[in-house]
Amino acid sequence: MILSEAELVDAVARDRMLGRSIALANGCFDLLHVGHVRYLQGAAREADRLIVAVNDDRSVRSLKGEGRPILPAAARAELVAALRGVDYVVIFGDPTVERLLEAIRPDVHCKGTDYTVESVPEREVVRRYGGRIAIVGDPKDHATRDLLAQIRAARPRTT
């Protein structure tokens, strides 16, 4: 389910009243691939509810460069929301998910294996409110930039 930030805060409050634990994962998810799926499957195992924060188009462009994202935020959010184990999706535009973490205070903040607990940019925010960080997913052997390079290389050349 794709929610606004205000709707997400309300949904988390309802889940907490029911005693459910909350995990948050985040990313660009531009050209969804197996690495994304494994990351989100791992994150879903960390709590009763999984929230996925998807970077908006402007923040993807600033992180990944011109020509990105390939898919607009609404499409990326819809794809992520369709994955088993994902309960809520929110689109965000901040450079990090710190503000969102402070707003919902998930029990677990999940990051991919390209991070360590000590290298997670939001680690101090999570520690301050008493949450934990989980490194989940398979080794970072998959990347959208690599897929794009393969697609470009396979394109027939026109003269």
N, C-alpha and C. Protein backbone atom coordinates (compact mmCIF):
# COMPACT_ATOMS: atom_id res chain seq x y z
N MET A 1 0.84 -1.16 0.00
CA MET A 1 0.00 0.00 0.00
C MET A 1 0.89 1.24 0.00
N ILE A 2 0.68 2.12 -0.93
CA ILE A 2 1.45 3.36 -1.02
C ILE A 2 0.73 4.43 -0.21
N LEU A 3 1.45 5.04 0.72
CA LEU A 3 0.87 6.01 1.63
C LEU A 3 1.63 7.32 1.60
N SER A 4 0.95 8.39 1.95
CA SER A 4 1.65 9.66 2.20
C SER A 4 2.35 9.51 3.54
N GLU A 5 3.23 10.44 3.85
CA GLU A 5 3.92 10.36 5.14
C GLU A 5 2.93 10.45 6.30
N ALA A 6 1.93 11.33 6.21
CA ALA A 6 0.94 11.46 7.29
C ALA A 6 0.14 10.16 7.44
N GLU A 7 -0.26 9.56 6.33
CA GLU A 7 -0.99 8.29 6.40
C GLU A 7 -0.12 7.19 7.01
N LEU A 8 1.18 7.22 6.67
CA LEU A 8 2.11 6.23 7.21
C LEU A 8 2.23 6.37 8.73
N VAL A 9 2.35 7.59 9.22
CA VAL A 9 2.44 7.81 10.67
C VAL A 9 1.21 7.23 11.36
N ASP A 10 0.03 7.43 10.79
CA ASP A 10 -1.20 6.88 11.36
C ASP A 10 -1.20 5.36 11.31
N ALA A 11 -0.78 4.77 10.20
CA ALA A 11 -0.75 3.31 10.05
C ALA A 11 0.20 2.69 11.06
N VAL A 12 1.36 3.31 11.26
CA VAL A 12 2.34 2.80 12.22
C VAL A 12 1.76 2.88 13.63
N ALA A 13 1.08 3.96 13.95
CA ALA A 13 0.47 4.09 15.28
C ALA A 13 -0.55 2.97 15.51
N ARG A 14 -1.37 2.67 14.50
CA ARG A 14 -2.34 1.57 14.62
C ARG A 14 -1.62 0.23 14.82
N ASP A 15 -0.58 0.00 14.03
CA ASP A 15 0.16 -1.26 14.16
C ASP A 15 0.80 -1.39 15.54
N ARG A 16 1.34 -0.31 16.04
CA ARG A 16 1.96 -0.35 17.37
C ARG A 16 0.92 -0.66 18.46
N MET A 17 -0.29 -0.09 18.31
CA MET A 17 -1.35 -0.38 19.28
C MET A 17 -1.71 -1.87 19.28
N LEU A 18 -1.49 -2.53 18.15
CA LEU A 18 -1.75 -3.96 18.03
C LEU A 18 -0.53 -4.80 18.40
N GLY A 19 0.53 -4.14 18.83
CA GLY A 19 1.73 -4.85 19.28
C GLY A 19 2.65 -5.31 18.17
N ARG A 20 2.49 -4.77 16.97
CA ARG A 20 3.33 -5.18 15.85
C ARG A 20 4.65 -4.42 15.84
N SER A 21 5.71 -5.11 15.46
CA SER A 21 7.01 -4.47 15.31
C SER A 21 7.13 -3.92 13.88
N ILE A 22 7.97 -2.90 13.73
CA ILE A 22 8.08 -2.16 12.48
C ILE A 22 9.53 -2.15 12.00
N ALA A 23 9.72 -2.42 10.71
CA ALA A 23 11.04 -2.28 10.07
C ALA A 23 10.92 -1.28 8.93
N LEU A 24 12.00 -0.57 8.68
CA LEU A 24 12.07 0.38 7.57
C LEU A 24 13.28 0.04 6.71
N ALA A 25 13.05 -0.04 5.41
CA ALA A 25 14.12 -0.17 4.42
C ALA A 25 13.94 0.99 3.45
N ASN A 26 15.00 1.37 2.77
CA ASN A 26 14.86 2.47 1.82
C ASN A 26 15.81 2.30 0.65
N GLY A 27 15.49 3.00 -0.44
CA GLY A 27 16.34 2.97 -1.62
C GLY A 27 15.67 3.60 -2.82
N CYS A 28 16.41 3.61 -3.92
CA CYS A 28 15.90 4.17 -5.18
C CYS A 28 15.02 3.18 -5.92
N PHE A 29 15.42 1.92 -5.96
CA PHE A 29 14.68 0.85 -6.61
C PHE A 29 14.37 1.17 -8.07
N ASP A 30 15.36 1.73 -8.75
CA ASP A 30 15.23 2.05 -10.17
C ASP A 30 15.61 0.80 -10.96
N LEU A 31 14.72 0.30 -11.77
CA LEU A 31 14.87 -0.99 -12.45
C LEU A 31 15.04 -2.11 -11.42
N LEU A 32 13.94 -2.49 -10.85
CA LEU A 32 13.91 -3.51 -9.81
C LEU A 32 14.64 -4.77 -10.27
N HIS A 33 15.52 -5.29 -9.42
CA HIS A 33 16.28 -6.50 -9.77
C HIS A 33 16.36 -7.43 -8.57
N VAL A 34 16.96 -8.60 -8.76
CA VAL A 34 16.99 -9.64 -7.73
C VAL A 34 17.66 -9.16 -6.44
N GLY A 35 18.64 -8.31 -6.52
CA GLY A 35 19.27 -7.78 -5.32
C GLY A 35 18.29 -6.99 -4.47
N HIS A 36 17.43 -6.20 -5.13
CA HIS A 36 16.40 -5.46 -4.41
C HIS A 36 15.44 -6.43 -3.72
N VAL A 37 15.01 -7.44 -4.45
CA VAL A 37 14.05 -8.41 -3.90
C VAL A 37 14.65 -9.10 -2.67
N ARG A 38 15.90 -9.53 -2.76
CA ARG A 38 16.54 -10.21 -1.63
C ARG A 38 16.74 -9.28 -0.44
N TYR A 39 17.05 -8.03 -0.71
CA TYR A 39 17.18 -7.02 0.35
C TYR A 39 15.84 -6.85 1.08
N LEU A 40 14.77 -6.71 0.31
CA LEU A 40 13.46 -6.50 0.93
C LEU A 40 12.94 -7.76 1.61
N GLN A 41 13.25 -8.93 1.09
CA GLN A 41 12.87 -10.17 1.77
C GLN A 41 13.57 -10.26 3.12
N GLY A 42 14.85 -9.92 3.14
CA GLY A 42 15.59 -9.92 4.40
C GLY A 42 15.03 -8.91 5.38
N ALA A 43 14.69 -7.73 4.90
CA ALA A 43 14.12 -6.69 5.75
C ALA A 43 12.77 -7.13 6.32
N ALA A 44 11.95 -7.80 5.51
CA ALA A 44 10.63 -8.26 5.95
C ALA A 44 10.74 -9.26 7.10
N ARG A 45 11.82 -10.02 7.13
CA ARG A 45 12.01 -11.00 8.21
C ARG A 45 12.37 -10.35 9.55
N GLU A 46 12.68 -9.08 9.55
CA GLU A 46 13.12 -8.40 10.77
C GLU A 46 11.99 -7.89 11.66
N ALA A 47 10.76 -7.84 11.15
CA ALA A 47 9.65 -7.27 11.93
C ALA A 47 8.32 -7.77 11.38
N ASP A 48 7.26 -7.40 12.08
CA ASP A 48 5.90 -7.78 11.64
C ASP A 48 5.44 -6.97 10.44
N ARG A 49 5.87 -5.73 10.35
CA ARG A 49 5.49 -4.84 9.25
C ARG A 49 6.74 -4.27 8.61
N LEU A 50 6.74 -4.22 7.27
CA LEU A 50 7.86 -3.62 6.55
C LEU A 50 7.39 -2.37 5.81
N ILE A 51 8.06 -1.27 6.09
CA ILE A 51 7.87 -0.01 5.38
C ILE A 51 9.05 0.14 4.44
N VAL A 52 8.77 0.51 3.20
CA VAL A 52 9.85 0.80 2.26
C VAL A 52 9.72 2.26 1.82
N ALA A 53 10.77 3.02 2.05
CA ALA A 53 10.83 4.42 1.63
C ALA A 53 11.57 4.47 0.30
N VAL A 54 10.89 4.99 -0.71
CA VAL A 54 11.43 5.07 -2.06
C VAL A 54 11.82 6.52 -2.35
N ASN A 55 13.06 6.71 -2.79
CA ASN A 55 13.53 8.06 -3.13
C ASN A 55 12.69 8.67 -4.24
N ASP A 56 12.36 9.95 -4.10
CA ASP A 56 11.64 10.63 -5.19
C ASP A 56 12.60 10.88 -6.35
N ASP A 57 12.06 11.34 -7.48
CA ASP A 57 12.86 11.50 -8.71
C ASP A 57 14.02 12.48 -8.53
N ARG A 58 13.77 13.59 -7.86
CA ARG A 58 14.82 14.59 -7.65
C ARG A 58 15.97 14.02 -6.85
N SER A 59 15.66 13.29 -5.78
CA SER A 59 16.75 12.74 -4.96
C SER A 59 17.51 11.63 -5.68
N VAL A 60 16.81 10.85 -6.51
CA VAL A 60 17.51 9.83 -7.31
C VAL A 60 18.48 10.52 -8.27
N ARG A 61 18.03 11.59 -8.93
CA ARG A 61 18.89 12.31 -9.86
C ARG A 61 20.13 12.85 -9.15
N SER A 62 19.94 13.38 -7.93
CA SER A 62 21.10 13.91 -7.21
C SER A 62 22.04 12.80 -6.74
N LEU A 63 21.50 11.63 -6.44
CA LEU A 63 22.33 10.50 -6.01
C LEU A 63 23.00 9.76 -7.16
N LYS A 64 22.27 9.58 -8.28
CA LYS A 64 22.72 8.71 -9.36
C LYS A 64 23.16 9.46 -10.61
N GLY A 65 22.78 10.74 -10.74
CA GLY A 65 23.21 11.52 -11.90
C GLY A 65 22.13 11.69 -12.95
N GLU A 66 22.47 12.49 -13.96
CA GLU A 66 21.54 12.76 -15.06
C GLU A 66 21.14 11.45 -15.75
N GLY A 67 19.93 11.42 -16.24
CA GLY A 67 19.42 10.23 -16.92
C GLY A 67 18.77 9.24 -15.97
N ARG A 68 18.83 9.52 -14.70
CA ARG A 68 18.21 8.67 -13.70
C ARG A 68 17.20 9.51 -12.93
N PRO A 69 16.14 8.97 -12.49
CA PRO A 69 15.78 7.56 -12.57
C PRO A 69 15.27 7.17 -13.96
N ILE A 70 15.28 5.89 -14.21
CA ILE A 70 14.71 5.37 -15.45
C ILE A 70 13.18 5.40 -15.34
N LEU A 71 12.68 4.97 -14.21
CA LEU A 71 11.24 4.95 -13.94
C LEU A 71 10.88 6.05 -12.96
N PRO A 72 9.72 6.69 -13.12
CA PRO A 72 9.32 7.72 -12.16
C PRO A 72 8.98 7.11 -10.80
N ALA A 73 9.02 7.94 -9.77
CA ALA A 73 8.82 7.48 -8.39
C ALA A 73 7.51 6.72 -8.22
N ALA A 74 6.44 7.18 -8.83
CA ALA A 74 5.15 6.50 -8.66
C ALA A 74 5.21 5.06 -9.18
N ALA A 75 5.88 4.86 -10.30
CA ALA A 75 6.00 3.51 -10.86
C ALA A 75 6.91 2.65 -9.99
N ARG A 76 8.02 3.22 -9.52
CA ARG A 76 8.93 2.46 -8.65
C ARG A 76 8.23 2.07 -7.35
N ALA A 77 7.45 2.99 -6.79
CA ALA A 77 6.71 2.71 -5.56
C ALA A 77 5.67 1.60 -5.79
N GLU A 78 5.00 1.63 -6.92
CA GLU A 78 4.00 0.60 -7.23
C GLU A 78 4.64 -0.78 -7.36
N LEU A 79 5.78 -0.84 -8.01
CA LEU A 79 6.49 -2.12 -8.15
C LEU A 79 6.91 -2.65 -6.78
N VAL A 80 7.48 -1.80 -5.95
CA VAL A 80 7.92 -2.22 -4.63
C VAL A 80 6.72 -2.65 -3.79
N ALA A 81 5.63 -1.91 -3.86
CA ALA A 81 4.43 -2.24 -3.08
C ALA A 81 3.85 -3.60 -3.47
N ALA A 82 4.10 -4.04 -4.68
CA ALA A 82 3.56 -5.32 -5.16
C ALA A 82 4.35 -6.52 -4.65
N LEU A 83 5.51 -6.28 -4.06
CA LEU A 83 6.35 -7.39 -3.59
C LEU A 83 5.80 -7.97 -2.29
N ARG A 84 5.83 -9.30 -2.20
CA ARG A 84 5.41 -9.99 -0.98
C ARG A 84 6.31 -9.54 0.18
N GLY A 85 5.71 -9.29 1.30
CA GLY A 85 6.46 -8.89 2.48
C GLY A 85 6.51 -7.39 2.69
N VAL A 86 6.19 -6.61 1.67
CA VAL A 86 6.17 -5.15 1.80
C VAL A 86 4.76 -4.74 2.20
N ASP A 87 4.65 -4.05 3.33
CA ASP A 87 3.35 -3.63 3.84
C ASP A 87 2.99 -2.21 3.43
N TYR A 88 3.95 -1.31 3.55
CA TYR A 88 3.70 0.10 3.25
C TYR A 88 4.87 0.66 2.44
N VAL A 89 4.54 1.55 1.51
CA VAL A 89 5.56 2.26 0.73
C VAL A 89 5.26 3.74 0.85
N VAL A 90 6.32 4.51 1.03
CA VAL A 90 6.22 5.96 1.08
C VAL A 90 7.32 6.52 0.18
N ILE A 91 7.01 7.58 -0.54
CA ILE A 91 8.01 8.25 -1.38
C ILE A 91 8.56 9.42 -0.57
N PHE A 92 9.90 9.54 -0.55
CA PHE A 92 10.51 10.63 0.22
C PHE A 92 11.55 11.35 -0.63
N GLY A 93 11.82 12.61 -0.28
CA GLY A 93 12.75 13.41 -1.08
C GLY A 93 13.95 13.93 -0.33
N ASP A 94 14.11 13.56 0.92
CA ASP A 94 15.26 14.01 1.71
C ASP A 94 16.53 13.28 1.28
N PRO A 95 17.70 13.85 1.58
CA PRO A 95 18.96 13.17 1.24
C PRO A 95 19.14 11.84 1.97
N THR A 96 18.62 11.74 3.20
CA THR A 96 18.64 10.48 3.96
C THR A 96 17.24 10.27 4.53
N VAL A 97 17.02 9.14 5.17
CA VAL A 97 15.71 8.87 5.77
C VAL A 97 15.66 9.28 7.25
N GLU A 98 16.59 10.12 7.69
CA GLU A 98 16.62 10.52 9.10
C GLU A 98 15.30 11.11 9.57
N ARG A 99 14.75 12.04 8.84
CA ARG A 99 13.49 12.68 9.27
C ARG A 99 12.37 11.66 9.37
N LEU A 100 12.31 10.76 8.40
CA LEU A 100 11.28 9.71 8.41
C LEU A 100 11.49 8.76 9.59
N LEU A 101 12.74 8.41 9.86
CA LEU A 101 13.04 7.57 11.02
C LEU A 101 12.56 8.23 12.31
N GLU A 102 12.80 9.52 12.43
CA GLU A 102 12.37 10.23 13.63
C GLU A 102 10.84 10.29 13.73
N ALA A 103 10.17 10.38 12.59
CA ALA A 103 8.71 10.47 12.59
C ALA A 103 8.04 9.15 12.98
N ILE A 104 8.61 8.03 12.53
CA ILE A 104 7.94 6.74 12.78
C ILE A 104 8.67 5.84 13.77
N ARG A 105 9.95 6.10 14.00
CA ARG A 105 10.75 5.34 14.96
C ARG A 105 10.58 3.83 14.83
N PRO A 106 10.95 3.29 13.68
CA PRO A 106 10.81 1.84 13.50
C PRO A 106 11.72 1.09 14.48
N ASP A 107 11.31 -0.11 14.83
CA ASP A 107 12.12 -0.94 15.71
C ASP A 107 13.45 -1.29 15.04
N VAL A 108 13.40 -1.48 13.72
CA VAL A 108 14.57 -1.90 12.97
C VAL A 108 14.72 -1.04 11.71
N HIS A 109 15.92 -0.53 11.51
CA HIS A 109 16.25 0.17 10.26
C HIS A 109 17.14 -0.78 9.47
N CYS A 110 16.67 -1.20 8.30
CA CYS A 110 17.37 -2.20 7.49
C CYS A 110 18.15 -1.54 6.36
N LYS A 111 19.38 -1.98 6.19
CA LYS A 111 20.21 -1.52 5.09
C LYS A 111 20.82 -2.73 4.40
N GLY A 112 21.24 -2.55 3.16
CA GLY A 112 21.83 -3.62 2.37
C GLY A 112 23.25 -3.92 2.77
N THR A 113 23.77 -4.98 2.18
CA THR A 113 25.10 -5.48 2.56
C THR A 113 26.26 -4.61 2.06
N ASP A 114 25.94 -3.54 1.35
CA ASP A 114 27.01 -2.59 1.00
C ASP A 114 27.30 -1.66 2.18
N TYR A 115 26.58 -1.84 3.28
CA TYR A 115 26.80 -1.08 4.51
C TYR A 115 27.27 -2.02 5.62
N THR A 116 27.85 -1.44 6.65
CA THR A 116 28.05 -2.10 7.93
C THR A 116 27.21 -1.30 8.93
N VAL A 117 26.97 -1.85 10.10
CA VAL A 117 26.20 -1.12 11.11
C VAL A 117 26.84 0.25 11.36
N GLU A 118 28.16 0.30 11.37
CA GLU A 118 28.86 1.57 11.65
C GLU A 118 28.86 2.54 10.48
N SER A 119 28.60 2.07 9.26
CA SER A 119 28.63 3.00 8.11
C SER A 119 27.24 3.49 7.70
N VAL A 120 26.20 3.03 8.34
CA VAL A 120 24.84 3.47 8.02
C VAL A 120 24.72 4.96 8.35
N PRO A 121 24.37 5.80 7.37
CA PRO A 121 24.35 7.25 7.60
C PRO A 121 23.42 7.68 8.74
N GLU A 122 22.34 6.94 8.95
CA GLU A 122 21.34 7.32 9.94
C GLU A 122 21.54 6.64 11.29
N ARG A 123 22.69 6.00 11.51
CA ARG A 123 22.89 5.17 12.71
C ARG A 123 22.68 5.93 14.01
N GLU A 124 23.11 7.19 14.09
CA GLU A 124 22.97 7.94 15.35
C GLU A 124 21.50 8.23 15.66
N VAL A 125 20.72 8.51 14.65
CA VAL A 125 19.28 8.75 14.86
C VAL A 125 18.64 7.48 15.41
N VAL A 126 18.95 6.34 14.81
CA VAL A 126 18.38 5.07 15.24
C VAL A 126 18.80 4.75 16.67
N ARG A 127 20.04 4.93 16.97
CA ARG A 127 20.54 4.68 18.34
C ARG A 127 19.87 5.61 19.35
N ARG A 128 19.70 6.87 18.97
CA ARG A 128 19.12 7.87 19.87
C ARG A 128 17.71 7.49 20.31
N TYR A 129 16.89 6.97 19.39
CA TYR A 129 15.53 6.62 19.80
C TYR A 129 15.41 5.17 20.27
N GLY A 130 16.52 4.41 20.26
CA GLY A 130 16.50 3.07 20.82
C GLY A 130 16.20 1.95 19.84
N GLY A 131 16.28 2.22 18.55
CA GLY A 131 16.06 1.18 17.55
C GLY A 131 17.33 0.40 17.29
N ARG A 132 17.25 -0.54 16.39
CA ARG A 132 18.45 -1.27 16.00
C ARG A 132 18.60 -1.25 14.48
N ILE A 133 19.80 -1.52 14.04
CA ILE A 133 20.10 -1.56 12.61
C ILE A 133 20.36 -3.01 12.23
N ALA A 134 19.79 -3.43 11.11
CA ALA A 134 20.02 -4.78 10.59
C ALA A 134 20.57 -4.66 9.17
N ILE A 135 21.63 -5.38 8.90
CA ILE A 135 22.20 -5.46 7.55
C ILE A 135 21.62 -6.73 6.93
N VAL A 136 20.88 -6.57 5.83
CA VAL A 136 20.12 -7.68 5.26
C VAL A 136 20.34 -7.79 3.75
N GLY A 137 19.98 -8.94 3.21
CA GLY A 137 20.09 -9.16 1.77
C GLY A 137 21.31 -9.97 1.43
N ASP A 138 21.51 -10.17 0.15
CA ASP A 138 22.68 -10.94 -0.29
C ASP A 138 23.82 -9.99 -0.60
N PRO A 139 25.01 -10.52 -0.89
CA PRO A 139 26.13 -9.63 -1.23
C PRO A 139 25.77 -8.70 -2.38
N LYS A 140 26.31 -7.52 -2.36
CA LYS A 140 25.98 -6.49 -3.34
C LYS A 140 26.62 -6.84 -4.69
N ASP A 141 26.08 -7.90 -5.32
CA ASP A 141 26.56 -8.34 -6.63
C ASP A 141 25.64 -7.88 -7.76
N HIS A 142 24.63 -7.07 -7.40
CA HIS A 142 23.64 -6.63 -8.38
C HIS A 142 23.53 -5.12 -8.29
N ALA A 143 23.50 -4.46 -9.42
CA ALA A 143 23.36 -3.01 -9.41
C ALA A 143 22.64 -2.57 -10.68
N THR A 144 21.76 -1.59 -10.51
CA THR A 144 21.04 -1.05 -11.67
C THR A 144 22.02 -0.51 -12.70
N ARG A 145 23.09 0.16 -12.27
CA ARG A 145 24.05 0.71 -13.23
C ARG A 145 24.66 -0.40 -14.09
N ASP A 146 24.88 -1.59 -13.50
CA ASP A 146 25.42 -2.72 -14.27
C ASP A 146 24.39 -3.22 -15.29
N LEU A 147 23.13 -3.28 -14.87
CA LEU A 147 22.07 -3.67 -15.81
C LEU A 147 21.99 -2.69 -16.98
N LEU A 148 22.05 -1.41 -16.66
CA LEU A 148 21.99 -0.40 -17.72
C LEU A 148 23.18 -0.53 -18.67
N ALA A 149 24.35 -0.81 -18.14
CA ALA A 149 25.53 -0.99 -18.99
C ALA A 149 25.35 -2.21 -19.91
N GLN A 150 24.79 -3.28 -19.39
CA GLN A 150 24.53 -4.47 -20.21
C GLN A 150 23.51 -4.18 -21.30
N ILE A 151 22.49 -3.43 -20.96
CA ILE A 151 21.46 -3.07 -21.96
C ILE A 151 22.08 -2.21 -23.06
N ARG A 152 22.89 -1.22 -22.66
CA ARG A 152 23.54 -0.36 -23.66
C ARG A 152 24.48 -1.17 -24.55
N ALA A 153 25.22 -2.10 -23.97
CA ALA A 153 26.17 -2.91 -24.73
C ALA A 153 25.45 -3.85 -25.69
N ALA A 154 24.27 -4.30 -25.36
CA ALA A 154 23.53 -5.25 -26.18
C ALA A 154 22.74 -4.56 -27.29
N ARG A 155 22.58 -3.24 -27.20
CA ARG A 155 21.81 -2.50 -28.20
C ARG A 155 22.51 -2.54 -29.54
N PRO A 156 21.79 -2.85 -30.60
CA PRO A 156 22.44 -2.85 -31.93
C PRO A 156 22.88 -1.43 -32.28
N ARG A 157 24.02 -1.34 -32.84
CA ARG A 157 24.58 -0.04 -33.26
C ARG A 157 23.98 0.35 -34.61
N THR A 158 23.61 1.59 -34.76
CA THR A 158 23.11 2.08 -36.04
C THR A 158 24.17 3.01 -36.63
N THR A 159 24.31 2.94 -37.93
CA THR A 159 25.31 3.79 -38.59
C THR A 159 24.67 4.70 -39.57
